[in-house]
Amino acid sequence: MADPMSGDDLDRSSILSVPVQVSVRLGRRRLRISQLLRMGAGDVVDLERVVGDPVDVYVNDRMVARGELVVVDGRLGLTIVELMPQATRGREPLGPGPGE
């Protein structure tokens, strides 16, 4: 019979309380500083995504999933629709997006 406090269980339980930063990337756009300085209230920054496209989910700056935005009780939320394969998690570049 396996010991309930084996090394694997101890390692797993010790990391469960470690805080991580979760962020959702809606899109990006590269702008010049002069463009930013001309912006004002009501201006729109066009992103490379369209409504309905999946958004990227990052944990500590590593892409781990894709999801869809939802509204729950008037608040914005996220539904995870695809987990990245463990072998590829975090390999996506954080640099400029397509066409930038």
Protein backbone atom coordinates (compact mmCIF):
# COMPACT_ATOMS: atom_id res chain seq x y z
CA MET A 1 0.00 0.00 0.00
CA ALA A 2 1.31 3.45 -0.96
CA ASP A 3 2.12 5.88 1.83
CA PRO A 4 -0.40 8.78 1.64
CA MET A 5 2.43 11.21 2.44
CA SER A 6 4.75 9.99 -0.29
CA GLY A 7 7.16 12.39 -1.99
CA ASP A 8 4.78 13.13 -4.89
CA ASP A 9 1.95 14.11 -2.51
CA LEU A 10 4.23 16.33 -0.44
CA ASP A 11 5.62 18.08 -3.53
CA ARG A 12 2.14 18.70 -4.91
CA SER A 13 0.67 20.00 -1.67
CA SER A 14 3.58 22.38 -1.09
CA ILE A 15 2.96 24.22 -4.37
CA LEU A 16 -0.83 24.50 -4.19
CA SER A 17 -0.66 27.70 -2.13
CA VAL A 18 1.95 29.44 -4.32
CA PRO A 19 0.37 32.58 -5.89
CA VAL A 20 0.61 32.98 -9.65
CA GLN A 21 -0.35 35.83 -11.98
CA VAL A 22 -3.08 34.96 -14.48
CA SER A 23 -3.63 37.29 -17.41
CA VAL A 24 -5.80 37.18 -20.51
CA ARG A 25 -4.50 38.73 -23.71
CA LEU A 26 -7.36 40.23 -25.68
CA GLY A 27 -5.09 41.45 -28.45
CA ARG A 28 -2.21 43.80 -29.15
CA ARG A 29 -1.18 46.55 -31.44
CA ARG A 30 2.17 48.25 -31.95
CA LEU A 31 1.92 52.05 -31.88
CA ARG A 32 4.41 54.87 -32.05
CA ILE A 33 4.64 57.19 -29.07
CA SER A 34 3.40 60.03 -31.28
CA GLN A 35 0.24 58.01 -31.96
CA LEU A 36 -0.32 57.45 -28.25
CA LEU A 37 0.15 61.13 -27.49
CA ARG A 38 -2.55 62.07 -30.01
CA MET A 39 -5.08 59.72 -28.42
CA GLY A 40 -7.90 60.97 -26.28
CA ALA A 41 -11.08 59.80 -24.60
CA GLY A 42 -13.23 57.80 -26.99
CA ASP A 43 -10.42 56.87 -29.39
CA VAL A 44 -10.33 53.22 -30.41
CA VAL A 45 -7.22 51.07 -30.71
CA ASP A 46 -7.84 48.40 -33.34
CA LEU A 47 -6.54 44.99 -32.22
CA GLU A 48 -5.58 42.10 -34.47
CA ARG A 49 -8.50 40.00 -33.24
CA VAL A 50 -12.18 40.10 -34.01
CA VAL A 51 -15.18 39.52 -31.75
CA GLY A 52 -15.55 35.81 -31.16
CA ASP A 53 -11.87 34.96 -31.57
CA PRO A 54 -10.45 32.96 -28.67
CA VAL A 55 -8.30 34.86 -26.18
CA ASP A 56 -4.95 33.66 -24.86
CA VAL A 57 -4.59 32.77 -21.17
CA TYR A 58 -1.18 33.25 -19.55
CA VAL A 59 0.08 32.10 -16.16
CA ASN A 60 3.24 33.91 -15.10
CA ASP A 61 3.78 35.09 -18.71
CA ARG A 62 3.45 31.58 -20.15
CA MET A 63 0.56 30.76 -22.44
CA VAL A 64 -1.30 27.79 -20.99
CA ALA A 65 -4.77 27.91 -22.54
CA ARG A 66 -7.25 29.58 -24.86
CA GLY A 67 -10.64 30.76 -23.76
CA GLU A 68 -13.75 32.73 -24.61
CA LEU A 69 -14.94 35.86 -22.84
CA VAL A 70 -18.30 35.64 -21.06
CA VAL A 71 -20.40 38.03 -19.00
CA VAL A 72 -21.66 36.71 -15.66
CA ASP A 73 -23.81 38.95 -13.45
CA GLY A 74 -22.56 42.00 -15.34
CA ARG A 75 -18.90 41.08 -14.86
CA LEU A 76 -16.44 39.93 -17.49
CA GLY A 77 -15.25 36.35 -17.12
CA LEU A 78 -13.49 33.61 -19.03
CA THR A 79 -14.42 30.10 -20.13
CA ILE A 80 -11.42 27.87 -20.85
CA VAL A 81 -11.97 26.09 -24.17
CA GLU A 82 -8.52 24.63 -24.86
CA LEU A 83 -5.55 23.74 -22.68
CA MET A 84 -2.23 23.88 -24.44
CA PRO A 85 -0.36 20.56 -24.56
CA GLN A 86 2.08 20.47 -21.66
CA ALA A 87 5.04 20.05 -24.02
CA THR A 88 4.26 23.37 -25.75
CA ARG A 89 3.07 25.48 -22.81
CA GLY A 90 5.03 28.67 -22.50
CA ARG A 91 6.75 28.41 -25.86
CA GLU A 92 4.62 31.07 -27.54
CA PRO A 93 6.51 34.34 -27.99
CA LEU A 94 5.47 37.36 -25.93
CA GLY A 95 6.75 39.78 -28.55
CA PRO A 96 4.80 41.65 -31.22
CA GLY A 97 1.84 39.87 -32.79
CA PRO A 98 1.23 39.12 -36.44
CA GLY A 99 1.73 42.07 -38.77
CA GLU A 100 3.50 44.18 -36.16
